[in-house]
C-alpha atoms as a PDB file:
ATOM      1  CA  MET A   1      -9.782  10.971  51.683  1.00  0.00           C
ATOM      2  CA  GLY A   2     -11.811  13.739  50.908  1.00  0.00           C
ATOM      3  CA  SER A   3     -13.089  15.093  47.361  1.00  0.00           C
ATOM      4  CA  TYR A   4     -12.075  18.292  45.818  1.00  0.00           C
ATOM      5  CA  ALA A   5     -14.313  21.538  46.169  1.00  0.00           C
ATOM      6  CA  SER A   6     -16.897  22.280  43.189  1.00  0.00           C
ATOM      7  CA  GLY A   7     -14.985  25.665  42.802  1.00  0.00           C
ATOM      8  CA  LYS A   8     -18.034  27.851  41.148  1.00  0.00           C
ATOM      9  CA  TYR A   9     -16.760  30.906  42.345  1.00  0.00           C
ATOM     10  CA  ALA A  10     -12.847  29.809  42.008  1.00  0.00           C
ATOM     11  CA  LEU A  11     -10.572  31.788  39.474  1.00  0.00           C
ATOM     12  CA  GLY A  12      -7.735  30.711  37.405  1.00  0.00           C
ATOM     13  CA  LEU A  13      -5.080  32.139  35.242  1.00  0.00           C
ATOM     14  CA  CYS A  14      -4.704  30.858  31.396  1.00  0.00           C
ATOM     15  CA  ASP A  15      -1.414  29.176  31.268  1.00  0.00           C
ATOM     16  CA  ARG A  16      -0.834  30.791  27.931  1.00  0.00           C
ATOM     17  CA  CYS A  17      -2.180  34.163  27.777  1.00  0.00           C
ATOM     18  CA  GLY A  18      -2.089  34.896  31.700  1.00  0.00           C
ATOM     19  CA  PHE A  19      -5.599  36.519  31.712  1.00  0.00           C
ATOM     20  CA  GLN A  20      -7.762  35.239  34.834  1.00  0.00           C
ATOM     21  CA  TYR A  21     -10.913  33.105  34.116  1.00  0.00           C
ATOM     22  CA  SER A  22     -13.406  31.330  35.834  1.00  0.00           C
ATOM     23  CA  LEU A  23     -11.662  28.039  36.924  1.00  0.00           C
ATOM     24  CA  ASN A  24     -14.541  25.953  35.177  1.00  0.00           C
ATOM     25  CA  ALA A  25     -14.024  27.829  32.047  1.00  0.00           C
ATOM     26  CA  LEU A  26     -10.411  26.771  31.622  1.00  0.00           C
ATOM     27  CA  LYS A  27      -9.993  23.803  29.532  1.00  0.00           C
ATOM     28  CA  LYS A  28      -7.124  21.118  30.020  1.00  0.00           C
ATOM     29  CA  GLU A  29      -4.980  21.030  26.986  1.00  0.00           C
ATOM     30  CA  TRP A  30      -3.218  17.875  25.649  1.00  0.00           C
ATOM     31  CA  THR A  31       0.380  19.309  26.957  1.00  0.00           C
ATOM     32  CA  GLY A  32      -1.281  19.455  30.433  1.00  0.00           C
ATOM     33  CA  PHE A  33      -1.873  23.506  30.404  1.00  0.00           C
ATOM     34  CA  LYS A  34      -5.172  24.867  31.838  1.00  0.00           C
ATOM     35  CA  VAL A  35      -6.135  27.392  28.998  1.00  0.00           C
ATOM     36  CA  CYS A  36      -9.034  29.895  27.864  1.00  0.00           C
ATOM     37  CA  PHE A  37     -11.414  29.185  25.097  1.00  0.00           C
ATOM     38  CA  GLU A  38      -9.370  31.553  22.739  1.00  0.00           C
ATOM     39  CA  CYS A  39      -5.962  29.823  23.498  1.00  0.00           C
ATOM     40  CA  TYR A  40      -7.160  26.148  23.389  1.00  0.00           C
ATOM     41  CA  GLU A  41      -5.356  24.223  20.587  1.00  0.00           C
ATOM     42  CA  PRO A  42      -6.413  20.423  19.952  1.00  0.00           C
ATOM     43  CA  LYS A  43      -3.354  18.087  19.430  1.00  0.00           C
ATOM     44  CA  HIS A  44      -2.517  17.786  15.746  1.00  0.00           C
ATOM     45  CA  PRO A  45      -2.871  14.261  14.484  1.00  0.00           C
ATOM     46  CA  GLN A  46       0.690  14.140  13.087  1.00  0.00           C
ATOM     47  CA  LEU A  47       1.791  14.221  16.860  1.00  0.00           C
ATOM     48  CA  GLU A  48       0.161  10.722  17.275  1.00  0.00           C
ATOM     49  CA  PRO A  49       2.097   7.731  16.922  1.00  0.00           C
ATOM     50  CA  ARG A  50       2.038   6.218  13.404  1.00  0.00           C
ATOM     51  CA  ARG A  51      -0.278   3.262  13.074  1.00  0.00           C
ATOM     52  CA  THR A  52       1.681   0.187  12.236  1.00  0.00           C
ATOM     53  CA  VAL A  53       0.465  -1.289   8.846  1.00  0.00           C
ATOM     54  CA  ASN A  54       2.045  -4.803   8.291  1.00  0.00           C
ATOM     55  CA  ASP A  55       2.646  -5.498   4.641  1.00  0.00           C
ATOM     56  CA  PRO A  56       1.718  -9.147   4.082  1.00  0.00           C
ATOM     57  CA  ILE A  57       4.786 -11.054   2.478  1.00  0.00           C
ATOM     58  CA  ALA A  58       3.369 -14.456   1.950  1.00  0.00           C
ATOM     59  CA  LEU A  59      -0.008 -15.663   0.313  1.00  0.00           C
ATOM     60  CA  PHE A  60      -2.857 -17.204   2.354  1.00  0.00           C
ATOM     61  CA  GLU A  61      -2.704 -21.001   0.917  1.00  0.00           C
ATOM     62  CA  PRO A  62      -0.731 -20.390  -1.859  1.00  0.00           C
ATOM     63  CA  ARG A  63      -1.419 -22.792  -5.304  1.00  0.00           C
ATOM     64  CA  PRO A  64       2.044 -23.636  -6.832  1.00  0.00           C
ATOM     65  CA  ASP A  65       2.297 -23.829 -10.436  1.00  0.00           C
ATOM     66  CA  GLN A  66       1.453 -27.170 -12.071  1.00  0.00           C
ATOM     67  CA  PRO A  67       3.197 -28.263 -15.081  1.00  0.00           C
ATOM     68  CA  GLN A  68       0.935 -28.100 -18.110  1.00  0.00           C
ATOM     69  CA  ALA A  69       1.643 -29.093 -21.570  1.00  0.00           C
ATOM     70  CA  MET A  70       1.754 -26.031 -23.967  1.00  0.00           C
ATOM     71  CA  VAL A  71       1.036 -26.967 -27.832  1.00  0.00           C
ATOM     72  CA  VAL A  72       2.483 -24.644 -30.021  1.00  0.00           C
ATOM     73  CA  SER A  73       1.660 -24.754 -33.975  1.00  0.00           C
ATOM     74  CA  ALA A  74       4.487 -23.549 -36.335  1.00  0.00           C
ATOM     75  CA  TRP A  75       4.036 -24.068 -40.233  1.00  0.00           C
ATOM     76  CA  VAL A  76       7.017 -25.267 -42.128  1.00  0.00           C
ATOM     77  CA  PRO A  77       6.178 -25.285 -45.901  1.00  0.00           C
ATOM     78  CA  ASN A  78       9.652 -25.946 -47.355  1.00  0.00           C
ATOM     79  CA  ASP A  79      13.433 -25.370 -45.749  1.00  0.00           C
ATOM     80  CA  THR A  80      12.530 -21.877 -44.811  1.00  0.00           C
ATOM     81  CA  SER A  81       9.197 -20.524 -43.222  1.00  0.00           C
ATOM     82  CA  PHE A  82       9.884 -17.200 -45.113  1.00  0.00           C
ATOM     83  CA  THR A  83       9.131 -18.579 -48.696  1.00  0.00           C
ATOM     84  CA  ALA A  84       6.865 -15.965 -50.714  1.00  0.00           C
ATOM     85  CA  VAL A  85       5.827 -15.492 -54.461  1.00  0.00           C
ATOM     86  CA  GLY A  86       6.196 -11.787 -54.862  1.00  0.00           C
ATOM     87  CA  MET A  87       4.694 -10.042 -52.123  1.00  0.00           C
ATOM     88  CA  VAL A  88       2.286 -12.762 -51.182  1.00  0.00           C
ATOM     89  CA  PRO A  89       3.403 -15.352 -48.835  1.00  0.00           C
ATOM     90  CA  THR A  90       3.085 -19.142 -49.926  1.00  0.00           C
ATOM     91  CA  VAL A  91       0.478 -21.431 -48.374  1.00  0.00           C
ATOM     92  CA  PRO A  92       2.093 -23.612 -45.392  1.00  0.00           C
ATOM     93  CA  ALA A  93       2.065 -27.102 -46.530  1.00  0.00           C
ATOM     94  CA  LEU A  94       2.629 -29.414 -43.555  1.00  0.00           C
ATOM     95  CA  PRO A  95       1.970 -28.358 -39.755  1.00  0.00           C
ATOM     96  CA  LEU A  96       4.756 -28.690 -37.276  1.00  0.00           C
ATOM     97  CA  ILE A  97       3.403 -29.332 -33.681  1.00  0.00           C
ATOM     98  CA  GLY A  98       5.916 -28.714 -30.785  1.00  0.00           C
ATOM     99  CA  VAL A  99       5.185 -29.526 -27.243  1.00  0.00           C
ATOM    100  CA  GLY A 100       7.305 -27.905 -24.603  1.00  0.00           C
ATOM    101  CA  GLU A 101       7.032 -27.127 -20.577  1.00  0.00           C
ATOM    102  CA  VAL A 102       7.644 -24.181 -18.610  1.00  0.00           C
ATOM    103  CA  GLY A 103      11.161 -23.852 -17.197  1.00  0.00           C
ATOM    104  CA  THR A 104      14.143 -21.830 -17.119  1.00  0.00           C
ATOM    105  CA  VAL A 105      16.129 -20.548 -20.119  1.00  0.00           C
ATOM    106  CA  GLU A 106      19.877 -20.063 -20.111  1.00  0.00           C
ATOM    107  CA  VAL A 107      21.382 -17.842 -22.595  1.00  0.00           C
ATOM    108  CA  ILE A 108      24.871 -17.878 -23.422  1.00  0.00           C
ATOM    109  CA  ILE A 109      26.381 -14.820 -25.578  1.00  0.00           C
ATOM    110  CA  THR A 110      30.058 -15.453 -26.994  1.00  0.00           C
END
């Protein structure tokens, strides 16, 4: 099978404007047209297929929650914790320590 001629004297028509140019001066566009320098338009990036970006769903080597003891101090001076003398709150008498765990809470409104 043979090769193509060099075409250094060959002429060609611009597929867009129709003017005659040297065949070596025409440039092949992304649409397949051979166009002159003035008519050449590069392919717009929005015409390219979108990149697939995968959103990770699971964590790599996750560490589940461990049950931990939580100590909360609450002061109960008397029958109510809202005792005060005038505008000054009273000094707490005995500390109350409660221990709890993280879990679910069910609230029922009637």
